[in-house]
């Protein structure tokens, strides 16, 4: 996951970091690496604090990935603070780096995770990475037994993160999904 994130930071870092006169050229790579690490740790912090609904909205595509998105706002605040503290960037300079990178990186992560032609990277990988691997057991159980309980929400013949996203975002939500799983 960190490799994919680093790749996206490099892909989108040109304008926000390299071409930013407020970031000294000799610090470009370090600033991009710090931004990527801060984004990943920020996502993990959101999961640890129980901020699942905002992440679910973003990952499902229900909320746009822009400056009004709560996930983008929280990550922008974290990255801005870290860049200012570690590299002495002004809050405006650090904020322009964060604001230029975060929506593009998150959009790129979500698009890669949803792309069936993207080998070795899917929504399960993304959930596992940001949940510290704790989401895997649940996803394994749902995948193994979910079809028997009618959990294949998108009728693709398998139970995966796409089905979980569909279940959480449609009528009945998570309660309906758990009710089906436990026969209630």
C-alpha atoms as a PDB file:
ATOM      1  CA  UNK A   1       0.000   0.000   0.000  1.00  0.00           C
ATOM      2  CA  UNK A   2       2.762   2.423   0.911  1.00  0.00           C
ATOM      3  CA  UNK A   3       4.422   1.734  -2.454  1.00  0.00           C
ATOM      4  CA  UNK A   4       1.236   2.633  -4.339  1.00  0.00           C
ATOM      5  CA  UNK A   5       0.824   5.719  -2.201  1.00  0.00           C
ATOM      6  CA  UNK A   6       4.438   6.770  -2.833  1.00  0.00           C
ATOM      7  CA  UNK A   7       3.910   6.264  -6.555  1.00  0.00           C
ATOM      8  CA  UNK A   8       0.872   8.543  -6.484  1.00  0.00           C
ATOM      9  CA  UNK A   9       2.739  11.173  -4.442  1.00  0.00           C
ATOM     10  CA  UNK A  10       5.489  11.224  -7.068  1.00  0.00           C
ATOM     11  CA  UNK A  11       2.919  11.307  -9.873  1.00  0.00           C
ATOM     12  CA  UNK A  12       1.058  14.293  -8.428  1.00  0.00           C
ATOM     13  CA  UNK A  13       3.952  15.944  -6.590  1.00  0.00           C
ATOM     14  CA  UNK A  14       5.255  17.873  -9.589  1.00  0.00           C
ATOM     15  CA  UNK A  15       2.962  20.838  -9.316  1.00  0.00           C
ATOM     16  CA  UNK A  16       2.346  20.833  -5.566  1.00  0.00           C
ATOM     17  CA  UNK A  17       5.960  20.251  -4.498  1.00  0.00           C
ATOM     18  CA  UNK A  18       8.580  20.374  -7.257  1.00  0.00           C
ATOM     19  CA  UNK A  19       7.184  23.476  -8.986  1.00  0.00           C
ATOM     20  CA  UNK A  20       6.381  25.164  -5.673  1.00  0.00           C
ATOM     21  CA  UNK A  21       8.918  27.945  -5.008  1.00  0.00           C
ATOM     22  CA  UNK A  22       8.197  27.769  -1.261  1.00  0.00           C
ATOM     23  CA  UNK A  23       9.681  24.248  -1.132  1.00  0.00           C
ATOM     24  CA  UNK A  24      13.488  24.249  -1.519  1.00  0.00           C
ATOM     25  CA  UNK A  25      14.493  21.904  -4.356  1.00  0.00           C
ATOM     26  CA  UNK A  26      16.818  19.905  -2.109  1.00  0.00           C
ATOM     27  CA  UNK A  27      13.802  19.074   0.086  1.00  0.00           C
ATOM     28  CA  UNK A  28      11.407  17.974  -2.688  1.00  0.00           C
ATOM     29  CA  UNK A  29      11.860  14.227  -2.186  1.00  0.00           C
ATOM     30  CA  UNK A  30      11.753  14.441   1.612  1.00  0.00           C
ATOM     31  CA  UNK A  31       8.621  16.626   1.510  1.00  0.00           C
ATOM     32  CA  UNK A  32       6.860  14.173  -0.816  1.00  0.00           C
ATOM     33  CA  UNK A  33       7.883  11.221   1.356  1.00  0.00           C
ATOM     34  CA  UNK A  34       6.625  12.977   4.489  1.00  0.00           C
ATOM     35  CA  UNK A  35       3.339  13.863   2.765  1.00  0.00           C
ATOM     36  CA  UNK A  36       2.782  10.230   1.764  1.00  0.00           C
ATOM     37  CA  UNK A  37       3.593   8.946   5.242  1.00  0.00           C
ATOM     38  CA  UNK A  38       1.351  11.555   6.852  1.00  0.00           C
ATOM     39  CA  UNK A  39      -1.554  10.631   4.574  1.00  0.00           C
ATOM     40  CA  UNK A  40      -1.255   6.935   5.408  1.00  0.00           C
ATOM     41  CA  UNK A  41      -0.904   7.563   9.149  1.00  0.00           C
ATOM     42  CA  UNK A  42      -3.813  10.019   8.991  1.00  0.00           C
ATOM     43  CA  UNK A  43      -6.045   7.382   7.379  1.00  0.00           C
ATOM     44  CA  UNK A  44      -4.999   4.875  10.040  1.00  0.00           C
ATOM     45  CA  UNK A  45      -5.745   7.437  12.779  1.00  0.00           C
ATOM     46  CA  UNK A  46      -9.251   7.931  11.374  1.00  0.00           C
ATOM     47  CA  UNK A  47      -9.951   4.201  11.486  1.00  0.00           C
ATOM     48  CA  UNK A  48      -8.499   3.905  15.006  1.00  0.00           C
ATOM     49  CA  UNK A  49     -10.711   6.749  16.223  1.00  0.00           C
ATOM     50  CA  UNK A  50     -13.825   5.181  14.673  1.00  0.00           C
ATOM     51  CA  UNK A  51     -14.248   7.696  11.864  1.00  0.00           C
ATOM     52  CA  UNK A  52     -15.513   5.014   9.491  1.00  0.00           C
ATOM     53  CA  UNK A  53     -18.510   6.802   7.948  1.00  0.00           C
ATOM     54  CA  UNK A  54     -16.439   9.563   6.322  1.00  0.00           C
ATOM     55  CA  UNK A  55     -13.979   6.997   4.951  1.00  0.00           C
ATOM     56  CA  UNK A  56     -16.797   4.782   3.700  1.00  0.00           C
ATOM     57  CA  UNK A  57     -18.382   7.731   1.931  1.00  0.00           C
ATOM     58  CA  UNK A  58     -15.101   8.580   0.258  1.00  0.00           C
ATOM     59  CA  UNK A  59     -14.204   5.000  -0.693  1.00  0.00           C
ATOM     60  CA  UNK A  60     -17.662   4.320  -2.101  1.00  0.00           C
ATOM     61  CA  UNK A  61     -17.629   7.475  -4.196  1.00  0.00           C
ATOM     62  CA  UNK A  62     -20.650   8.901  -2.365  1.00  0.00           C
ATOM     63  CA  UNK A  63     -18.751  12.010  -1.299  1.00  0.00           C
ATOM     64  CA  UNK A  64     -16.522  13.955  -3.674  1.00  0.00           C
ATOM     65  CA  UNK A  65     -12.810  13.975  -2.914  1.00  0.00           C
ATOM     66  CA  UNK A  66     -12.314  17.718  -2.636  1.00  0.00           C
ATOM     67  CA  UNK A  67     -11.590  20.396  -0.040  1.00  0.00           C
ATOM     68  CA  UNK A  68     -15.088  20.031   1.448  1.00  0.00           C
ATOM     69  CA  UNK A  69     -14.625  16.320   2.167  1.00  0.00           C
ATOM     70  CA  UNK A  70     -14.021  15.707   5.904  1.00  0.00           C
ATOM     71  CA  UNK A  71     -11.330  13.100   5.148  1.00  0.00           C
ATOM     72  CA  UNK A  72      -9.492  15.567   2.897  1.00  0.00           C
ATOM     73  CA  UNK A  73      -9.826  18.296   5.538  1.00  0.00           C
ATOM     74  CA  UNK A  74      -8.416  16.118   8.328  1.00  0.00           C
ATOM     75  CA  UNK A  75      -5.535  14.885   6.197  1.00  0.00           C
ATOM     76  CA  UNK A  76      -4.768  18.401   4.958  1.00  0.00           C
ATOM     77  CA  UNK A  77      -4.538  19.612   8.553  1.00  0.00           C
ATOM     78  CA  UNK A  78      -2.218  16.720   9.489  1.00  0.00           C
ATOM     79  CA  UNK A  79       0.048  17.062   6.443  1.00  0.00           C
ATOM     80  CA  UNK A  80       0.193  20.857   6.759  1.00  0.00           C
ATOM     81  CA  UNK A  81       1.233  20.606  10.412  1.00  0.00           C
ATOM     82  CA  UNK A  82       3.840  17.922   9.757  1.00  0.00           C
ATOM     83  CA  UNK A  83       5.403  19.765   6.805  1.00  0.00           C
ATOM     84  CA  UNK A  84       5.548  23.005   8.753  1.00  0.00           C
ATOM     85  CA  UNK A  85       7.097  21.319  11.778  1.00  0.00           C
ATOM     86  CA  UNK A  86       9.636  19.128   9.952  1.00  0.00           C
ATOM     87  CA  UNK A  87      10.660  21.433   7.102  1.00  0.00           C
ATOM     88  CA  UNK A  88       9.957  24.899   8.454  1.00  0.00           C
ATOM     89  CA  UNK A  89       7.433  25.662   5.724  1.00  0.00           C
ATOM     90  CA  UNK A  90       4.987  28.462   6.415  1.00  0.00           C
ATOM     91  CA  UNK A  91       1.412  27.359   7.024  1.00  0.00           C
ATOM     92  CA  UNK A  92       0.444  28.812   3.621  1.00  0.00           C
ATOM     93  CA  UNK A  93       3.224  26.922   1.816  1.00  0.00           C
ATOM     94  CA  UNK A  94       2.555  23.664   3.664  1.00  0.00           C
ATOM     95  CA  UNK A  95      -1.184  24.105   3.087  1.00  0.00           C
ATOM     96  CA  UNK A  96      -0.680  24.604  -0.649  1.00  0.00           C
ATOM     97  CA  UNK A  97       1.379  21.396  -0.809  1.00  0.00           C
ATOM     98  CA  UNK A  98      -1.246  19.450   1.152  1.00  0.00           C
ATOM     99  CA  UNK A  99      -4.160  20.958  -0.761  1.00  0.00           C
ATOM    100  CA  UNK A 100      -2.488  20.187  -4.077  1.00  0.00           C
ATOM    101  CA  UNK A 101      -1.635  16.602  -3.225  1.00  0.00           C
ATOM    102  CA  UNK A 102      -4.289  15.102  -0.997  1.00  0.00           C
ATOM    103  CA  UNK A 103      -7.407  15.184  -3.223  1.00  0.00           C
ATOM    104  CA  UNK A 104      -5.415  13.861  -6.183  1.00  0.00           C
ATOM    105  CA  UNK A 105      -3.736  11.106  -4.171  1.00  0.00           C
ATOM    106  CA  UNK A 106      -6.956   9.948  -2.514  1.00  0.00           C
ATOM    107  CA  UNK A 107      -8.742  10.004  -5.855  1.00  0.00           C
ATOM    108  CA  UNK A 108      -5.908   7.978  -7.356  1.00  0.00           C
ATOM    109  CA  UNK A 109      -6.021   5.433  -4.506  1.00  0.00           C
ATOM    110  CA  UNK A 110      -9.771   4.972  -4.805  1.00  0.00           C
ATOM    111  CA  UNK A 111      -9.585   4.662  -8.595  1.00  0.00           C
ATOM    112  CA  UNK A 112      -6.765   2.100  -8.385  1.00  0.00           C
ATOM    113  CA  UNK A 113      -8.627   0.113  -5.742  1.00  0.00           C
ATOM    114  CA  UNK A 114     -11.802   0.021  -7.833  1.00  0.00           C
ATOM    115  CA  UNK A 115     -10.025  -0.831 -11.105  1.00  0.00           C
ATOM    116  CA  UNK A 116     -10.300  -4.582 -11.787  1.00  0.00           C
ATOM    117  CA  UNK A 117      -7.412  -4.246 -14.262  1.00  0.00           C
ATOM    118  CA  UNK A 118      -5.074  -3.006 -11.515  1.00  0.00           C
ATOM    119  CA  UNK A 119      -3.209  -6.174 -10.483  1.00  0.00           C
ATOM    120  CA  UNK A 120      -2.191  -6.571  -6.875  1.00  0.00           C
ATOM    121  CA  UNK A 121      -4.234  -3.666  -5.574  1.00  0.00           C
ATOM    122  CA  UNK A 122      -7.904  -3.695  -4.636  1.00  0.00           C
ATOM    123  CA  UNK A 123     -10.324  -2.332  -2.082  1.00  0.00           C
ATOM    124  CA  UNK A 124      -9.493  -5.179   0.329  1.00  0.00           C
ATOM    125  CA  UNK A 125      -5.816  -4.134   0.220  1.00  0.00           C
ATOM    126  CA  UNK A 126      -6.745  -0.531   0.893  1.00  0.00           C
ATOM    127  CA  UNK A 127      -9.016  -1.425   3.828  1.00  0.00           C
ATOM    128  CA  UNK A 128      -6.395  -3.777   5.268  1.00  0.00           C
ATOM    129  CA  UNK A 129      -3.646  -1.165   4.993  1.00  0.00           C
ATOM    130  CA  UNK A 130      -5.582   1.609   6.703  1.00  0.00           C
ATOM    131  CA  UNK A 131      -7.039  -0.689   9.351  1.00  0.00           C
ATOM    132  CA  UNK A 132      -3.614  -2.017  10.289  1.00  0.00           C
ATOM    133  CA  UNK A 133      -4.550  -5.427   8.929  1.00  0.00           C
ATOM    134  CA  UNK A 134      -7.498  -5.707  11.309  1.00  0.00           C
ATOM    135  CA  UNK A 135     -10.088  -5.512   8.520  1.00  0.00           C
ATOM    136  CA  UNK A 136      -8.755  -8.677   6.880  1.00  0.00           C
ATOM    137  CA  UNK A 137     -10.296 -11.203   9.264  1.00  0.00           C
ATOM    138  CA  UNK A 138     -13.725  -9.717   8.877  1.00  0.00           C
ATOM    139  CA  UNK A 139     -13.353  -9.527   5.098  1.00  0.00           C
ATOM    140  CA  UNK A 140     -12.122 -13.145   4.974  1.00  0.00           C
ATOM    141  CA  UNK A 141     -15.147 -14.388   6.918  1.00  0.00           C
ATOM    142  CA  UNK A 142     -17.585 -12.337   4.866  1.00  0.00           C
ATOM    143  CA  UNK A 143     -15.983 -13.534   1.632  1.00  0.00           C
ATOM    144  CA  UNK A 144     -16.054 -17.176   2.714  1.00  0.00           C
ATOM    145  CA  UNK A 145     -19.600 -17.331   4.077  1.00  0.00           C
ATOM    146  CA  UNK A 146     -21.305 -14.271   2.657  1.00  0.00           C
ATOM    147  CA  UNK A 147     -22.716 -15.894  -0.472  1.00  0.00           C
ATOM    148  CA  UNK A 148     -24.615 -18.374   1.687  1.00  0.00           C
ATOM    149  CA  UNK A 149     -26.364 -15.499   3.447  1.00  0.00           C
ATOM    150  CA  UNK A 150     -27.309 -13.470   0.377  1.00  0.00           C
ATOM    151  CA  UNK A 151     -24.585 -10.872   0.887  1.00  0.00           C
ATOM    152  CA  UNK A 152     -23.535 -10.675  -2.773  1.00  0.00           C
ATOM    153  CA  UNK A 153     -25.024  -7.176  -3.114  1.00  0.00           C
ATOM    154  CA  UNK A 154     -23.804  -6.509  -6.668  1.00  0.00           C
ATOM    155  CA  UNK A 155     -24.497 -10.029  -7.986  1.00  0.00           C
ATOM    156  CA  UNK A 156     -20.987 -10.614  -9.308  1.00  0.00           C
ATOM    157  CA  UNK A 157     -20.729 -14.129  -7.842  1.00  0.00           C
ATOM    158  CA  UNK A 158     -18.357 -13.211  -5.024  1.00  0.00           C
ATOM    159  CA  UNK A 159     -18.579 -11.362  -1.747  1.00  0.00           C
ATOM    160  CA  UNK A 160     -15.965  -8.647  -1.452  1.00  0.00           C
ATOM    161  CA  UNK A 161     -15.440  -5.049  -0.427  1.00  0.00           C
ATOM    162  CA  UNK A 162     -17.686  -3.875  -3.274  1.00  0.00           C
ATOM    163  CA  UNK A 163     -20.569  -5.738  -1.665  1.00  0.00           C
ATOM    164  CA  UNK A 164     -19.748  -4.303   1.762  1.00  0.00           C
ATOM    165  CA  UNK A 165     -19.717  -0.795   0.299  1.00  0.00           C
ATOM    166  CA  UNK A 166     -23.039  -1.434  -1.464  1.00  0.00           C
ATOM    167  CA  UNK A 167     -24.606  -2.808   1.705  1.00  0.00           C
ATOM    168  CA  UNK A 168     -23.449   0.049   3.908  1.00  0.00           C
ATOM    169  CA  UNK A 169     -24.593   2.742   1.514  1.00  0.00           C
ATOM    170  CA  UNK A 170     -28.019   1.389   0.536  1.00  0.00           C
ATOM    171  CA  UNK A 171     -31.233   1.201   2.508  1.00  0.00           C
ATOM    172  CA  UNK A 172     -30.799  -1.014   5.521  1.00  0.00           C
ATOM    173  CA  UNK A 173     -27.132  -0.128   5.747  1.00  0.00           C
ATOM    174  CA  UNK A 174     -24.749  -1.945   8.013  1.00  0.00           C
ATOM    175  CA  UNK A 175     -27.541  -3.095  10.300  1.00  0.00           C
ATOM    176  CA  UNK A 176     -29.262  -4.818   7.402  1.00  0.00           C
ATOM    177  CA  UNK A 177     -26.005  -6.434   6.360  1.00  0.00           C
ATOM    178  CA  UNK A 178     -25.306  -7.732   9.875  1.00  0.00           C
ATOM    179  CA  UNK A 179     -28.903  -8.848  10.238  1.00  0.00           C
ATOM    180  CA  UNK A 180     -28.585 -10.982   7.107  1.00  0.00           C
ATOM    181  CA  UNK A 181     -25.276 -12.375   8.304  1.00  0.00           C
ATOM    182  CA  UNK A 182     -26.674 -13.377  11.693  1.00  0.00           C
ATOM    183  CA  UNK A 183     -30.147 -14.371  10.448  1.00  0.00           C
ATOM    184  CA  UNK A 184     -32.119 -11.608  12.160  1.00  0.00           C
END
